């Protein structure tokens, strides 16, 4: 499976993610390298990764609502195959 470099924009969400102390997602703009079959698979796995990290920290209704906001507000600026 090829590796993809994915550029993420969390500027609408990163302040809401601060109370969960997710060190990896504390910045509004980030680059990640992920492995996947195609770009759609990489995007989906990245969103699932953020949501799983949030739900590990706290399983309340507030966190579940935030997970839906992640699906809606997370922006993927660029995907490159390496």
N, C-alpha and C. Protein backbone atom coordinates (compact mmCIF):
# COMPACT_ATOMS: atom_id res chain seq x y z
N UNK A 1 0.84 -1.18 0.00
CA UNK A 1 0.00 0.00 0.00
C UNK A 1 0.89 1.24 0.00
N UNK A 2 0.53 2.23 -0.79
CA UNK A 2 1.35 3.45 -0.83
C UNK A 2 1.12 4.34 0.38
N UNK A 3 2.10 5.19 0.63
CA UNK A 3 1.99 6.19 1.68
C UNK A 3 1.48 7.49 1.09
N UNK A 4 0.71 8.22 1.88
CA UNK A 4 0.17 9.50 1.46
C UNK A 4 0.53 10.56 2.50
N UNK A 5 0.91 11.73 2.02
CA UNK A 5 1.11 12.87 2.91
C UNK A 5 -0.17 13.68 2.85
N UNK A 6 -0.76 13.93 4.00
CA UNK A 6 -2.05 14.58 4.08
C UNK A 6 -1.90 15.87 4.89
N UNK A 7 -2.39 16.96 4.33
CA UNK A 7 -2.33 18.27 4.98
C UNK A 7 -3.72 18.58 5.54
N UNK A 8 -3.79 18.82 6.86
CA UNK A 8 -5.05 18.95 7.57
C UNK A 8 -5.23 20.38 8.09
N UNK A 9 -6.45 20.87 8.00
CA UNK A 9 -6.80 22.17 8.56
C UNK A 9 -7.83 21.94 9.67
N UNK A 10 -7.39 22.13 10.92
CA UNK A 10 -8.27 21.98 12.08
C UNK A 10 -8.59 23.34 12.70
N UNK A 11 -8.48 24.41 11.93
CA UNK A 11 -8.62 25.75 12.50
C UNK A 11 -10.00 26.00 13.11
N UNK A 12 -11.03 25.35 12.63
CA UNK A 12 -12.36 25.52 13.20
C UNK A 12 -12.57 24.65 14.44
N UNK A 13 -11.69 23.70 14.68
CA UNK A 13 -11.90 22.72 15.75
C UNK A 13 -10.86 22.71 16.86
N UNK A 14 -9.66 23.18 16.60
CA UNK A 14 -8.58 22.91 17.53
C UNK A 14 -8.82 23.50 18.92
N UNK A 15 -9.56 24.60 19.04
CA UNK A 15 -9.86 25.15 20.36
C UNK A 15 -10.83 24.26 21.13
N UNK A 16 -11.72 23.60 20.42
CA UNK A 16 -12.65 22.67 21.07
C UNK A 16 -11.95 21.35 21.44
N UNK A 17 -10.85 21.04 20.77
CA UNK A 17 -10.11 19.81 21.08
C UNK A 17 -9.14 20.00 22.24
N UNK A 18 -8.85 21.24 22.63
CA UNK A 18 -7.88 21.52 23.69
C UNK A 18 -8.22 20.85 25.03
N UNK A 19 -9.47 20.89 25.50
CA UNK A 19 -9.77 20.26 26.79
C UNK A 19 -9.49 18.75 26.84
N UNK A 20 -9.42 18.12 25.69
CA UNK A 20 -9.16 16.68 25.64
C UNK A 20 -7.68 16.36 25.66
N UNK A 21 -6.86 17.38 25.63
CA UNK A 21 -5.39 17.27 25.66
C UNK A 21 -4.85 16.22 24.70
N UNK A 22 -5.29 16.33 23.46
CA UNK A 22 -4.76 15.48 22.40
C UNK A 22 -3.56 16.20 21.81
N UNK A 23 -2.40 15.81 22.19
CA UNK A 23 -1.17 16.51 21.79
C UNK A 23 -0.99 16.52 20.28
N UNK A 24 -1.37 15.45 19.64
CA UNK A 24 -1.16 15.32 18.20
C UNK A 24 -2.04 16.26 17.38
N UNK A 25 -3.17 16.67 17.94
CA UNK A 25 -4.12 17.50 17.20
C UNK A 25 -4.27 18.88 17.83
N UNK A 26 -3.24 19.39 18.44
CA UNK A 26 -3.30 20.67 19.13
C UNK A 26 -3.04 21.88 18.25
N UNK A 27 -2.57 21.68 17.05
CA UNK A 27 -2.25 22.79 16.15
C UNK A 27 -3.33 22.90 15.07
N UNK A 28 -3.59 24.11 14.58
CA UNK A 28 -4.63 24.26 13.56
C UNK A 28 -4.26 23.68 12.20
N UNK A 29 -2.97 23.64 11.87
CA UNK A 29 -2.53 23.09 10.58
C UNK A 29 -1.47 22.03 10.83
N UNK A 30 -1.63 20.89 10.20
CA UNK A 30 -0.70 19.79 10.45
C UNK A 30 -0.48 18.96 9.19
N UNK A 31 0.64 18.26 9.17
CA UNK A 31 0.95 17.29 8.12
C UNK A 31 1.06 15.91 8.74
N UNK A 32 0.49 14.92 8.08
CA UNK A 32 0.56 13.54 8.55
C UNK A 32 0.91 12.65 7.37
N UNK A 33 1.60 11.57 7.65
CA UNK A 33 1.90 10.57 6.64
C UNK A 33 1.17 9.30 7.04
N UNK A 34 0.27 8.85 6.17
CA UNK A 34 -0.55 7.68 6.44
C UNK A 34 -0.45 6.70 5.28
N UNK A 35 -0.74 5.46 5.58
CA UNK A 35 -0.71 4.41 4.58
C UNK A 35 -2.15 4.01 4.25
N UNK A 36 -2.43 3.84 2.96
CA UNK A 36 -3.77 3.44 2.55
C UNK A 36 -3.81 2.99 1.11
N UNK A 37 -4.94 2.37 0.74
CA UNK A 37 -5.11 1.89 -0.63
C UNK A 37 -5.31 3.03 -1.62
N UNK A 38 -6.09 4.04 -1.19
CA UNK A 38 -6.38 5.18 -2.06
C UNK A 38 -6.57 6.41 -1.19
N UNK A 39 -6.65 7.61 -1.76
CA UNK A 39 -6.81 8.83 -0.96
C UNK A 39 -8.09 8.86 -0.12
N UNK A 40 -9.17 8.29 -0.63
CA UNK A 40 -10.41 8.27 0.15
C UNK A 40 -10.26 7.42 1.41
N UNK A 41 -9.56 6.32 1.29
CA UNK A 41 -9.30 5.45 2.43
C UNK A 41 -8.47 6.17 3.49
N UNK A 42 -7.50 6.93 3.05
CA UNK A 42 -6.63 7.68 3.97
C UNK A 42 -7.43 8.74 4.72
N UNK A 43 -8.28 9.46 4.01
CA UNK A 43 -9.10 10.49 4.65
C UNK A 43 -10.05 9.88 5.68
N UNK A 44 -10.67 8.80 5.31
CA UNK A 44 -11.60 8.13 6.21
C UNK A 44 -10.88 7.60 7.46
N UNK A 45 -9.72 6.99 7.26
CA UNK A 45 -8.99 6.45 8.41
C UNK A 45 -8.49 7.57 9.33
N UNK A 46 -8.14 8.72 8.76
CA UNK A 46 -7.70 9.84 9.59
C UNK A 46 -8.85 10.37 10.45
N UNK A 47 -10.03 10.52 9.85
CA UNK A 47 -11.19 10.99 10.63
C UNK A 47 -11.55 9.99 11.72
N UNK A 48 -11.51 8.72 11.40
CA UNK A 48 -11.80 7.70 12.40
C UNK A 48 -10.77 7.72 13.51
N UNK A 49 -9.53 8.00 13.17
CA UNK A 49 -8.46 8.06 14.17
C UNK A 49 -8.70 9.18 15.18
N UNK A 50 -9.09 10.36 14.69
CA UNK A 50 -9.38 11.47 15.59
C UNK A 50 -10.58 11.14 16.48
N UNK A 51 -11.61 10.59 15.89
CA UNK A 51 -12.81 10.27 16.66
C UNK A 51 -12.53 9.21 17.72
N UNK A 52 -11.74 8.21 17.39
CA UNK A 52 -11.41 7.17 18.36
C UNK A 52 -10.58 7.74 19.52
N UNK A 53 -9.66 8.65 19.21
CA UNK A 53 -8.86 9.29 20.27
C UNK A 53 -9.75 10.09 21.21
N UNK A 54 -10.72 10.81 20.65
CA UNK A 54 -11.64 11.59 21.48
C UNK A 54 -12.47 10.67 22.38
N UNK A 55 -12.99 9.60 21.81
CA UNK A 55 -13.85 8.71 22.59
C UNK A 55 -13.07 7.90 23.63
N UNK A 56 -11.76 7.72 23.43
CA UNK A 56 -10.95 7.08 24.46
C UNK A 56 -10.83 7.96 25.68
N UNK A 57 -10.76 9.27 25.45
CA UNK A 57 -10.61 10.22 26.56
C UNK A 57 -11.91 10.38 27.35
N UNK A 58 -13.03 10.45 26.63
CA UNK A 58 -14.31 10.75 27.29
C UNK A 58 -15.44 10.20 26.43
N UNK A 59 -16.38 9.50 27.03
CA UNK A 59 -17.46 8.88 26.25
C UNK A 59 -18.80 9.55 26.50
N UNK A 60 -18.79 10.85 26.77
CA UNK A 60 -20.04 11.55 27.04
C UNK A 60 -20.73 11.98 25.75
N UNK A 61 -21.96 12.46 25.89
CA UNK A 61 -22.72 12.96 24.74
C UNK A 61 -22.01 14.16 24.13
N UNK A 62 -21.41 15.00 24.97
CA UNK A 62 -20.69 16.17 24.47
C UNK A 62 -19.56 15.76 23.51
N UNK A 63 -18.87 14.70 23.85
CA UNK A 63 -17.79 14.21 22.99
C UNK A 63 -18.34 13.63 21.69
N UNK A 64 -19.45 12.96 21.76
CA UNK A 64 -20.06 12.41 20.55
C UNK A 64 -20.52 13.52 19.60
N UNK A 65 -21.02 14.61 20.17
CA UNK A 65 -21.39 15.76 19.35
C UNK A 65 -20.15 16.36 18.70
N UNK A 66 -19.05 16.43 19.45
CA UNK A 66 -17.79 16.93 18.90
C UNK A 66 -17.29 16.02 17.77
N UNK A 67 -17.49 14.73 17.90
CA UNK A 67 -17.09 13.81 16.83
C UNK A 67 -17.86 14.10 15.54
N UNK A 68 -19.12 14.44 15.66
CA UNK A 68 -19.89 14.82 14.47
C UNK A 68 -19.38 16.12 13.87
N UNK A 69 -18.97 17.05 14.75
CA UNK A 69 -18.40 18.31 14.26
C UNK A 69 -17.08 18.06 13.54
N UNK A 70 -16.32 17.10 14.02
CA UNK A 70 -15.06 16.76 13.35
C UNK A 70 -15.36 16.29 11.94
N UNK A 71 -16.34 15.44 11.78
CA UNK A 71 -16.70 14.96 10.44
C UNK A 71 -17.10 16.11 9.51
N UNK A 72 -17.77 17.11 10.08
CA UNK A 72 -18.29 18.20 9.26
C UNK A 72 -17.27 19.31 9.02
N UNK A 73 -16.44 19.63 10.01
CA UNK A 73 -15.58 20.81 9.93
C UNK A 73 -14.11 20.54 9.60
N UNK A 74 -13.68 19.31 9.68
CA UNK A 74 -12.30 18.99 9.35
C UNK A 74 -12.08 19.19 7.85
N UNK A 75 -11.03 19.91 7.51
CA UNK A 75 -10.73 20.15 6.09
C UNK A 75 -9.40 19.49 5.75
N UNK A 76 -9.39 18.83 4.63
CA UNK A 76 -8.18 18.22 4.12
C UNK A 76 -7.73 19.08 2.94
N UNK A 77 -6.62 19.77 3.13
CA UNK A 77 -6.14 20.72 2.13
C UNK A 77 -5.48 20.03 0.94
N UNK A 78 -4.66 19.03 1.23
CA UNK A 78 -3.90 18.41 0.14
C UNK A 78 -3.56 16.97 0.51
N UNK A 79 -3.59 16.12 -0.51
CA UNK A 79 -3.14 14.74 -0.35
C UNK A 79 -2.14 14.47 -1.47
N UNK A 80 -0.98 13.94 -1.08
CA UNK A 80 0.05 13.60 -2.06
C UNK A 80 0.48 12.16 -1.86
N UNK A 81 0.62 11.45 -2.93
CA UNK A 81 1.15 10.09 -2.87
C UNK A 81 2.68 10.18 -2.83
N UNK A 82 3.28 9.48 -1.88
CA UNK A 82 4.75 9.51 -1.76
C UNK A 82 5.39 8.36 -2.47
